[in-house]
Amino acid sequence: MFDALSERLNDALGDVRSRGKLTEEDISKAMRQVRLALLEADVNFKVVKQFTGQVKERALGADVLQSLNPGQQVVKIVADELTTLMGGAGRELVFAKKGPTVILMAGLQGSGKTTACGKLARHLREEKKLDVAIAACDLQRPAAVDQLVKVSAQAGATVYEQGTSRDPVDVAEWALSQAKKDGRDVLIVDTAGRLHVDAELMEQLGQVKKRTKPHNVLLVVDAMTGQDAVSVAESFAETANFDGVVLSKLDGDARGGAALSVKALTDKPILYASTGEKLDAFERFHPDRMAQRILGMGDVMTLIEKAESRIDERQAQELERKIKKNQFTLDDFLEQMQQVRSMGPLQGLLKMIPGMGQQLGGLQVDDRELDRLQAIITSMTPAERANPRIIDGSRRRRIAAGSGTNVQAVSRLVKQFGQMQKMMRQLQQGKMPSLQQLAGS
C-alpha cells in the first residue's frame, strides 16, 4: 500500500537525509518535491499546502538547522506531521456499559461495506473476544443479504435477517431487540448504500439511527477512489454525523490520497483499514505507524502484534527446546513458514522491519517461492523430513516429480537447510556465523 507515495517521498527526502548541514534553500527544494509527491498521490491541494507549510516552518527552526543531524530531524518532522494529518493518536470504538454495543455501518454501493461488516465482526471476536451479531438491513441491493449471510458465517457472527421484503428500519429495530434478548455483546447494522449520496439514503440512515441509537457510526469508503472517497466522506459529514471512517481496499491504494486527506477535511478519524481480500486482512488504523510505513521506517509494533496473534506460545517453547537440542527438522521449518505466511504477504511483512523497505527498493518478494518450498517438503517422507541427509539422487528425483519442481530446487533446499542447522548449532555454542554462511554461500 502507498508504494508510489512512499517511493516519491523517500526520493524527495533522500538528499536531506544524507546532508550534515542544511540551508533554507535545501529545505525549500525538499518541500517542493514533497508537495509534488503529495499532489501526485491525489491528496487534496489545500491539505498539501497546509502540510508543507507546517513542515517547512518547523524545519527552519534554529533547533533543526543547528542540530548535529538536521536531515534526520527534518524526516522526523515530516513523520510527526503525517501522523497529525491522519488523525494523531489512534481512537478506539465506544463500547456500551450495559447491553449490546451498536455499530452502524454506512457507505455507498461498491465501497466494500458488507464485507467490512464481516471483517469488523471477526476482528471484534478475535481481538476483543466479543459475541457479535450483524443485522441485515441492506435491502436495496440484490443479493446483499445472501452475501452478508455468507461473510458472517466465515466471520463466526450471527446474522439477524428477515428477507428482503421488510422495511429496513423495522428490521434494524427487530435485530436490536433480538441482540438484547440473546445477550450479544455487539450488534453491527449493515445499512443500504446508493450509487451516490441522496436524500432517500440519508433519510433511511437517519431513521435507522433513531431506532437503534448506535454507539458508533462508521462510514466505509473505498481508498482506491482517492479524492472521490474524500468527497463522499465530506457529503456524509454534512448530512449524517458519523464517528469514524473504515478505509476499504487500502492494500490496492498505491497513492494514499484518501488516507491523507479524509481526517483534515472531515475532522473524522480513520478507525480501521481493510488491507486485503481475506477476512483477517483488517486492522486498527494507527496514524503514527502508517506514517512510519510511508517513510520507509518500518512498523515494528504491528509486526509484533501480528506475530503474537498468530504464533502459539506452547509451539514457540517447543521449538526453542528443539533448537537447543539440535532437533530442528524440516517439519518444524514447514510449520514456522506456515505461521509466518498466516501473518500476511511476505512483502508487506518485510516492509514492517525498519530500513527493509528501502533495502528492497522496487524488488518484489514472490510468495510463490514459499509455495514451491512447501510442495518440496510435503513430497518428502517423514524420515526424509526428519533427516534430510538420507536424501540421495533417486530420492531427489522422486521428490522433484512429486512437487512439480526439479532436482536442482530439491538439492538447493536440502543444502540451505543444512546450513541453517549448522548456524543454529554455532549460535547455541555462542559463536557468530560468518558473513558467507549468512549469505548462504
Protein backbone atom coordinates (compact mmCIF):
# COMPACT_ATOMS: atom_id res chain seq x y z
CA MET A 1 0.00 0.00 0.00
CA PHE A 2 1.09 3.59 -0.72
CA ASP A 3 4.10 2.25 -2.64
CA ALA A 4 4.12 5.10 -5.16
CA LEU A 5 3.79 7.77 -2.47
CA SER A 6 6.40 6.12 -0.27
CA GLU A 7 8.89 5.97 -3.15
CA ARG A 8 8.34 9.62 -4.12
CA LEU A 9 8.58 10.92 -0.55
CA ASN A 10 11.74 8.95 0.15
CA ASP A 11 13.25 10.29 -3.07
CA ALA A 12 12.29 13.83 -2.04
CA LEU A 13 13.85 13.43 1.41
CA GLY A 14 16.85 11.37 0.28
CA ASP A 15 19.16 14.34 -0.26
CA VAL A 16 18.08 15.93 3.02
CA ARG A 17 18.72 12.72 5.00
CA SER A 18 22.35 12.50 3.87
CA ARG A 19 23.40 16.09 4.45
CA GLY A 20 25.37 17.07 7.54
CA LYS A 21 24.27 20.69 7.20
CA LEU A 22 21.08 22.20 5.76
CA THR A 23 20.28 25.62 4.35
CA GLU A 24 16.92 27.27 3.86
CA GLU A 25 17.24 26.56 0.12
CA ASP A 26 17.82 22.85 0.79
CA ILE A 27 14.61 22.67 2.82
CA SER A 28 12.62 24.72 0.28
CA LYS A 29 13.78 22.39 -2.51
CA ALA A 30 12.81 19.31 -0.49
CA MET A 31 9.38 20.77 0.29
CA ARG A 32 8.73 21.45 -3.40
CA GLN A 33 9.40 17.78 -4.11
CA VAL A 34 7.23 16.70 -1.16
CA ARG A 35 4.43 18.93 -2.46
CA LEU A 36 4.62 17.30 -5.90
CA ALA A 37 4.69 13.82 -4.35
CA LEU A 38 1.54 14.51 -2.33
CA LEU A 39 -0.32 16.08 -5.24
CA GLU A 40 0.54 13.09 -7.45
CA ALA A 41 -0.79 10.88 -4.63
CA ASP A 42 -4.18 12.59 -5.08
CA VAL A 43 -4.00 14.40 -1.74
CA ASN A 44 -6.30 17.44 -1.59
CA PHE A 45 -4.35 20.56 -2.66
CA LYS A 46 -5.48 22.56 0.40
CA VAL A 47 -4.22 19.79 2.65
CA VAL A 48 -0.91 19.68 0.75
CA LYS A 49 -0.40 23.42 1.09
CA GLN A 50 -1.08 23.42 4.81
CA PHE A 51 1.06 20.32 5.40
CA THR A 52 4.16 21.56 3.55
CA GLY A 53 3.81 24.97 5.17
CA GLN A 54 3.83 23.47 8.67
CA VAL A 55 6.77 21.16 7.90
CA LYS A 56 8.81 24.00 6.40
CA GLU A 57 8.09 26.32 9.33
CA ARG A 58 9.23 23.70 11.86
CA ALA A 59 12.23 22.63 9.72
CA LEU A 60 13.54 26.19 9.50
CA GLY A 61 13.68 26.48 13.29
CA ALA A 62 17.10 27.04 14.86
CA ASP A 63 16.88 23.74 16.79
CA VAL A 64 16.83 21.87 13.46
CA LEU A 65 19.30 23.85 11.35
CA GLN A 66 21.85 23.97 14.15
CA SER A 67 21.44 20.35 15.27
CA LEU A 68 24.11 17.68 14.76
CA ASN A 69 21.87 15.72 12.37
CA PRO A 70 19.46 18.18 10.74
CA GLY A 71 18.45 15.79 7.94
CA GLN A 72 17.07 13.19 10.35
CA GLN A 73 15.32 15.96 12.28
CA VAL A 74 13.51 17.05 9.11
CA VAL A 75 12.44 13.46 8.39
CA LYS A 76 11.12 13.19 11.97
CA ILE A 77 9.14 16.40 11.48
CA VAL A 78 7.62 15.01 8.28
CA ALA A 79 6.69 11.80 10.15
CA ASP A 80 5.14 13.82 13.00
CA GLU A 81 3.12 15.98 10.61
CA LEU A 82 1.95 12.96 8.61
CA THR A 83 0.79 11.39 11.88
CA THR A 84 -1.11 14.55 12.81
CA LEU A 85 -2.56 14.79 9.31
CA MET A 86 -4.01 11.27 9.54
CA GLY A 87 -5.50 11.81 12.98
CA GLY A 88 -2.75 11.79 15.62
CA ALA A 89 -3.40 9.24 18.35
CA GLY A 90 -5.47 6.26 17.20
CA ARG A 91 -9.04 6.21 18.52
CA GLU A 92 -10.98 3.22 19.84
CA LEU A 93 -14.64 2.35 19.39
CA VAL A 94 -17.06 3.38 22.13
CA PHE A 95 -18.46 0.35 23.95
CA ALA A 96 -21.73 0.23 25.89
CA LYS A 97 -21.57 -0.22 29.65
CA LYS A 98 -24.66 -2.41 29.51
CA GLY A 99 -26.37 -4.31 26.71
CA PRO A 100 -25.11 -4.68 23.15
CA THR A 101 -22.83 -2.07 21.62
CA VAL A 102 -24.48 -0.94 18.37
CA ILE A 103 -22.24 -0.12 15.41
CA LEU A 104 -24.00 1.38 12.39
CA MET A 105 -22.16 0.91 9.08
CA ALA A 106 -22.85 3.34 6.23
CA GLY A 107 -21.42 3.89 2.76
CA LEU A 108 -22.11 3.91 -0.95
CA GLN A 109 -22.67 0.83 -3.11
CA GLY A 110 -19.36 -0.71 -4.11
CA SER A 111 -17.44 0.70 -1.15
CA GLY A 112 -16.99 -2.75 0.40
CA LYS A 113 -19.40 -2.07 3.27
CA THR A 114 -20.92 -5.56 3.61
CA THR A 115 -17.50 -7.23 3.55
CA ALA A 116 -16.27 -4.65 6.08
CA CYS A 117 -19.13 -5.70 8.39
CA GLY A 118 -17.84 -9.29 8.32
CA LYS A 119 -14.24 -8.23 8.80
CA LEU A 120 -15.12 -5.99 11.74
CA ALA A 121 -17.19 -8.80 13.29
CA ARG A 122 -14.26 -11.21 13.02
CA HIS A 123 -11.86 -8.59 14.39
CA LEU A 124 -14.04 -7.96 17.45
CA ARG A 125 -14.45 -11.71 18.03
CA GLU A 126 -10.73 -12.46 17.71
CA GLU A 127 -9.24 -9.36 19.36
CA LYS A 128 -11.89 -8.49 21.96
CA LYS A 129 -13.45 -11.95 22.46
CA LEU A 130 -16.93 -10.48 21.92
CA ASP A 131 -20.13 -12.21 20.81
CA VAL A 132 -21.10 -10.37 17.62
CA ALA A 133 -24.30 -10.31 15.57
CA ILE A 134 -24.96 -8.48 12.30
CA ALA A 135 -28.31 -7.01 11.23
CA ALA A 136 -29.07 -7.40 7.52
CA CYS A 137 -30.61 -4.03 6.72
CA ASP A 138 -29.11 -3.51 3.25
CA LEU A 139 -32.27 -4.45 1.37
CA GLN A 140 -31.65 -2.10 -1.55
CA ARG A 141 -29.03 -4.16 -3.39
CA PRO A 142 -29.94 -7.55 -4.87
CA ALA A 143 -28.24 -10.47 -3.08
CA ALA A 144 -26.85 -8.21 -0.34
CA VAL A 145 -28.48 -10.33 2.37
CA ASP A 146 -27.10 -13.56 0.85
CA GLN A 147 -23.64 -12.02 0.71
CA LEU A 148 -23.87 -10.91 4.34
CA VAL A 149 -25.00 -14.39 5.47
CA LYS A 150 -22.01 -15.98 3.72
CA VAL A 151 -19.48 -13.44 5.05
CA SER A 152 -20.90 -13.61 8.58
CA ALA A 153 -20.65 -17.41 8.65
CA GLN A 154 -16.95 -17.13 7.76
CA ALA A 155 -16.51 -14.49 10.47
CA GLY A 156 -18.28 -16.59 13.11
CA ALA A 157 -21.01 -13.99 13.63
CA THR A 158 -24.79 -14.46 13.87
CA VAL A 159 -26.98 -12.79 11.24
CA TYR A 160 -30.36 -11.30 12.07
CA GLU A 161 -32.32 -11.14 8.81
CA GLN A 162 -35.96 -11.13 7.72
CA GLY A 163 -35.55 -11.48 3.98
CA THR A 164 -35.76 -8.56 1.56
CA SER A 165 -39.43 -7.57 1.65
CA ARG A 166 -39.49 -5.86 5.06
CA ASP A 167 -38.77 -2.21 5.80
CA PRO A 168 -35.04 -1.93 6.71
CA VAL A 169 -35.80 0.41 9.61
CA ASP A 170 -38.15 -2.17 11.14
CA VAL A 171 -35.56 -4.91 10.59
CA ALA A 172 -32.94 -2.83 12.41
CA GLU A 173 -35.25 -2.29 15.40
CA TRP A 174 -36.16 -6.01 15.50
CA ALA A 175 -32.49 -7.03 15.26
CA LEU A 176 -31.62 -4.83 18.25
CA SER A 177 -34.37 -6.44 20.34
CA GLN A 178 -33.06 -9.88 19.33
CA ALA A 179 -29.49 -8.91 20.23
CA LYS A 180 -30.66 -7.81 23.68
CA LYS A 181 -32.71 -10.97 24.13
CA ASP A 182 -29.78 -13.21 23.08
CA GLY A 183 -27.27 -11.34 25.23
CA ARG A 184 -25.00 -10.32 22.34
CA ASP A 185 -22.04 -8.05 23.09
CA VAL A 186 -22.12 -6.22 19.75
CA LEU A 187 -24.70 -5.62 17.01
CA ILE A 188 -23.34 -4.39 13.67
CA VAL A 189 -26.04 -2.87 11.45
CA ASP A 190 -25.36 -3.17 7.71
CA THR A 191 -27.35 -0.38 6.02
CA ALA A 192 -28.22 0.25 2.37
CA GLY A 193 -25.91 2.11 0.04
CA ARG A 194 -26.61 4.07 -3.11
CA LEU A 195 -24.65 4.94 -6.21
CA HIS A 196 -24.41 8.50 -4.86
CA VAL A 197 -25.32 10.47 -1.76
CA ASP A 198 -29.02 11.31 -1.97
CA ALA A 199 -31.93 12.43 0.23
CA GLU A 200 -33.52 8.96 0.33
CA LEU A 201 -30.30 7.35 1.56
CA MET A 202 -29.86 9.95 4.30
CA GLU A 203 -33.49 9.75 5.38
CA GLN A 204 -33.30 5.97 5.78
CA LEU A 205 -29.98 6.22 7.61
CA GLY A 206 -31.46 8.83 9.95
CA GLN A 207 -34.43 6.57 10.73
CA VAL A 208 -32.19 3.58 11.48
CA LYS A 209 -30.06 5.75 13.79
CA LYS A 210 -33.18 6.99 15.57
CA ARG A 211 -34.49 3.45 16.19
CA THR A 212 -31.18 1.78 17.17
CA LYS A 213 -29.35 4.68 18.91
CA PRO A 214 -25.90 3.44 17.81
CA HIS A 215 -22.83 3.96 19.97
CA ASN A 216 -20.68 4.22 16.84
CA VAL A 217 -21.50 5.25 13.27
CA LEU A 218 -18.77 4.20 10.83
CA LEU A 219 -18.50 5.30 7.22
CA VAL A 220 -16.91 2.82 4.80
CA VAL A 221 -15.08 4.46 1.88
CA ASP A 222 -13.06 2.90 -0.94
CA ALA A 223 -9.45 4.07 -0.53
CA MET A 224 -8.70 3.38 -4.19
CA THR A 225 -11.06 6.14 -5.33
CA GLY A 226 -8.83 8.82 -3.79
CA GLN A 227 -10.45 12.25 -3.78
CA ASP A 228 -13.83 10.74 -4.68
CA ALA A 229 -13.69 8.85 -1.37
CA VAL A 230 -12.96 12.11 0.46
CA SER A 231 -15.85 13.85 -1.34
CA VAL A 232 -18.20 11.07 -0.21
CA ALA A 233 -16.95 11.44 3.37
CA GLU A 234 -17.47 15.21 3.23
CA SER A 235 -21.04 14.75 1.94
CA PHE A 236 -21.86 12.29 4.71
CA ALA A 237 -20.28 14.59 7.30
CA GLU A 238 -22.55 17.44 6.20
CA THR A 239 -25.79 15.48 6.41
CA ALA A 240 -25.22 12.49 8.70
CA ASN A 241 -22.93 12.81 11.68
CA PHE A 242 -20.60 9.79 11.71
CA ASP A 243 -17.87 9.00 14.22
CA GLY A 244 -15.11 7.49 12.14
CA VAL A 245 -14.02 6.02 8.83
CA VAL A 246 -13.26 2.49 7.67
CA LEU A 247 -10.93 2.56 4.66
CA SER A 248 -11.60 -0.44 2.43
CA LYS A 249 -9.22 -1.76 -0.27
CA LEU A 250 -6.25 0.06 1.27
CA ASP A 251 -3.94 -2.69 0.02
CA GLY A 252 -4.69 -1.65 -3.57
CA ASP A 253 -4.06 2.05 -2.95
CA ALA A 254 -0.56 2.94 -4.15
CA ARG A 255 -1.20 6.68 -3.81
CA GLY A 256 -2.75 7.34 -0.39
CA GLY A 257 -4.86 10.39 -1.23
CA ALA A 258 -7.89 9.29 0.79
CA ALA A 259 -5.94 8.27 3.91
CA LEU A 260 -4.01 11.55 3.95
CA SER A 261 -6.97 13.84 3.24
CA VAL A 262 -10.07 12.47 4.95
CA LYS A 263 -9.27 13.48 8.56
CA ALA A 264 -8.19 17.01 7.61
CA LEU A 265 -11.32 17.65 5.54
CA THR A 266 -13.98 15.93 7.67
CA ASP A 267 -12.40 16.06 11.14
CA LYS A 268 -13.37 12.39 11.49
CA PRO A 269 -10.65 9.84 12.33
CA ILE A 270 -9.85 6.71 10.38
CA LEU A 271 -10.55 3.85 12.79
CA TYR A 272 -9.96 0.74 10.68
CA ALA A 273 -8.39 -0.26 7.40
CA SER A 274 -9.07 -3.26 5.18
CA THR A 275 -5.71 -4.46 3.90
CA GLY A 276 -6.60 -7.47 1.72
CA GLU A 277 -9.34 -9.72 0.43
CA LYS A 278 -9.32 -12.25 3.28
CA LEU A 279 -11.45 -11.68 6.37
CA ASP A 280 -8.41 -11.39 8.64
CA ALA A 281 -6.91 -8.62 6.46
CA PHE A 282 -8.39 -5.93 8.69
CA GLU A 283 -6.63 -3.85 11.31
CA ARG A 284 -6.85 -0.82 13.57
CA PHE A 285 -5.60 2.28 11.80
CA HIS A 286 -2.67 3.80 13.66
CA PRO A 287 -1.64 7.15 12.10
CA ASP A 288 1.85 7.06 13.65
CA ARG A 289 2.55 3.56 12.36
CA MET A 290 1.20 4.40 8.90
CA ALA A 291 3.40 7.50 8.73
CA GLN A 292 6.44 5.36 9.56
CA ARG A 293 5.50 2.83 6.87
CA ILE A 294 5.12 5.58 4.27
CA LEU A 295 8.58 6.96 5.09
CA GLY A 296 10.20 3.51 4.98
CA MET A 297 10.79 3.49 8.74
CA GLY A 298 9.03 0.16 9.31
CA ASP A 299 6.20 -0.74 11.66
CA VAL A 300 7.58 -2.92 14.42
CA MET A 301 4.53 -2.68 16.70
CA THR A 302 2.12 -4.03 14.08
CA LEU A 303 4.61 -6.78 13.20
CA ILE A 304 4.81 -7.80 16.89
CA GLU A 305 1.01 -7.76 17.24
CA LYS A 306 0.60 -9.93 14.14
CA ALA A 307 3.19 -12.39 15.47
CA GLU A 308 1.57 -12.55 18.92
CA SER A 309 -1.87 -13.20 17.42
CA ARG A 310 -0.68 -15.96 15.06
CA ILE A 311 2.14 -17.76 16.85
CA ASP A 312 1.21 -20.29 19.54
CA GLU A 313 3.24 -19.79 22.73
CA ARG A 314 3.48 -23.52 23.52
CA GLN A 315 4.66 -24.25 19.98
CA ALA A 316 7.27 -21.49 20.32
CA GLN A 317 8.57 -23.02 23.58
CA GLU A 318 8.71 -26.47 21.98
CA LEU A 319 10.58 -25.03 19.00
CA GLU A 320 13.10 -23.37 21.33
CA ARG A 321 13.66 -26.72 23.06
CA LYS A 322 14.23 -28.48 19.73
CA ILE A 323 16.70 -25.84 18.56
CA LYS A 324 18.66 -26.11 21.80
CA LYS A 325 18.85 -29.90 21.41
CA ASN A 326 19.64 -29.69 17.68
CA GLN A 327 16.38 -31.49 16.84
CA PHE A 328 15.02 -28.87 14.41
CA THR A 329 13.59 -30.72 11.38
CA LEU A 330 12.05 -29.82 8.04
CA ASP A 331 8.62 -30.43 9.64
CA ASP A 332 9.43 -27.67 12.15
CA PHE A 333 10.68 -25.44 9.34
CA LEU A 334 7.43 -26.00 7.40
CA GLU A 335 5.34 -25.22 10.48
CA GLN A 336 7.21 -21.95 11.08
CA MET A 337 6.87 -20.98 7.43
CA GLN A 338 3.11 -21.57 7.57
CA GLN A 339 2.79 -19.44 10.71
CA VAL A 340 4.69 -16.58 9.07
CA ARG A 341 2.52 -16.84 5.98
CA SER A 342 -0.63 -16.60 8.12
CA MET A 343 0.52 -13.09 9.12
CA GLY A 344 0.09 -11.82 5.55
CA PRO A 345 2.07 -11.40 2.32
CA LEU A 346 5.83 -11.64 2.88
CA GLN A 347 6.49 -8.39 1.01
CA GLY A 348 4.30 -6.47 3.45
CA LEU A 349 5.86 -8.12 6.50
CA LEU A 350 9.39 -7.29 5.34
CA LYS A 351 8.44 -3.63 4.89
CA MET A 352 7.45 -3.51 8.57
CA ILE A 353 11.10 -4.10 9.51
CA PRO A 354 12.85 -0.68 9.83
CA GLY A 355 15.01 0.03 6.80
CA MET A 356 13.92 -3.07 4.92
CA GLY A 357 11.55 -1.13 2.64
CA GLN A 358 14.46 0.94 1.34
CA GLN A 359 16.66 -2.16 1.03
CA LEU A 360 14.03 -3.86 -1.10
CA GLY A 361 13.56 -0.84 -3.34
CA GLY A 362 11.40 -2.00 -6.24
CA LEU A 363 12.29 -5.66 -5.67
CA GLN A 364 9.21 -7.88 -5.37
CA VAL A 365 9.30 -10.80 -2.92
CA ASP A 366 7.41 -13.67 -4.53
CA ASP A 367 5.26 -15.67 -2.09
CA ARG A 368 5.07 -18.40 -4.73
CA GLU A 369 8.63 -19.36 -3.83
CA LEU A 370 7.27 -20.36 -0.40
CA ASP A 371 4.63 -22.45 -2.19
CA ARG A 372 7.43 -24.29 -4.01
CA LEU A 373 9.32 -24.90 -0.76
CA GLN A 374 6.16 -26.23 0.87
CA ALA A 375 5.49 -28.52 -2.10
CA ILE A 376 9.02 -29.93 -1.90
CA ILE A 377 8.86 -30.60 1.86
CA THR A 378 5.40 -32.19 1.75
CA SER A 379 6.62 -34.50 -1.06
CA MET A 380 9.21 -35.98 1.33
CA THR A 381 8.61 -38.97 3.57
CA PRO A 382 8.54 -38.43 7.38
CA ALA A 383 12.01 -39.98 7.59
CA GLU A 384 13.38 -37.61 4.95
CA ARG A 385 11.90 -34.56 6.69
CA ALA A 386 13.43 -35.68 9.99
CA ASN A 387 16.85 -36.39 8.45
CA PRO A 388 17.45 -34.74 5.04
CA ARG A 389 20.94 -36.28 4.89
CA ILE A 390 19.40 -39.56 3.68
CA ILE A 391 18.05 -37.87 0.54
CA ASP A 392 20.18 -39.32 -2.25
CA GLY A 393 19.89 -38.92 -6.01
CA SER A 394 16.93 -41.26 -6.55
CA ARG A 395 15.03 -39.72 -3.63
CA ARG A 396 15.65 -36.23 -5.02
CA ARG A 397 14.23 -37.25 -8.40
CA ARG A 398 11.13 -38.69 -6.70
CA ILE A 399 10.63 -35.56 -4.55
CA ALA A 400 11.11 -33.28 -7.57
CA ALA A 401 8.50 -35.22 -9.55
CA GLY A 402 6.06 -35.21 -6.63
CA SER A 403 6.40 -31.46 -6.00
CA GLY A 404 6.35 -30.37 -9.64
CA THR A 405 9.82 -28.83 -9.31
CA ASN A 406 13.27 -30.08 -10.36
CA VAL A 407 16.20 -31.87 -8.77
CA GLN A 408 18.19 -28.61 -8.51
CA ALA A 409 15.43 -26.99 -6.41
CA VAL A 410 15.34 -30.01 -4.06
CA SER A 411 19.15 -30.00 -3.73
CA ARG A 412 19.14 -26.27 -3.01
CA LEU A 413 16.58 -26.66 -0.21
CA VAL A 414 18.47 -29.57 1.38
CA LYS A 415 21.75 -27.60 1.23
CA GLN A 416 20.21 -24.43 2.69
CA PHE A 417 18.53 -26.37 5.48
CA GLY A 418 21.85 -27.99 6.35
CA GLN A 419 23.47 -24.55 6.53
CA MET A 420 20.62 -23.35 8.75
CA GLN A 421 21.14 -26.24 11.16
CA LYS A 422 24.87 -25.55 11.26
CA MET A 423 24.28 -21.86 12.09
CA MET A 424 21.84 -22.84 14.85
CA ARG A 425 24.49 -25.10 16.41
CA GLN A 426 27.05 -22.28 16.26
CA LEU A 427 24.66 -19.82 17.86
CA GLN A 428 23.93 -22.30 20.65
CA GLN A 429 27.70 -22.51 21.26
CA GLY A 430 27.93 -18.72 21.40
CA LYS A 431 29.65 -18.40 18.01
CA MET A 432 28.63 -15.88 15.36
CA PRO A 433 28.11 -17.32 11.85
CA SER A 434 30.38 -15.94 9.14
CA LEU A 435 29.12 -13.50 6.53
CA GLN A 436 29.48 -16.23 3.90
CA GLN A 437 27.19 -18.51 5.90
CA LEU A 438 24.60 -15.76 6.40
CA ALA A 439 24.67 -15.07 2.68
CA GLY A 440 24.04 -18.77 2.04
CA SER A 441 27.22 -19.36 0.06
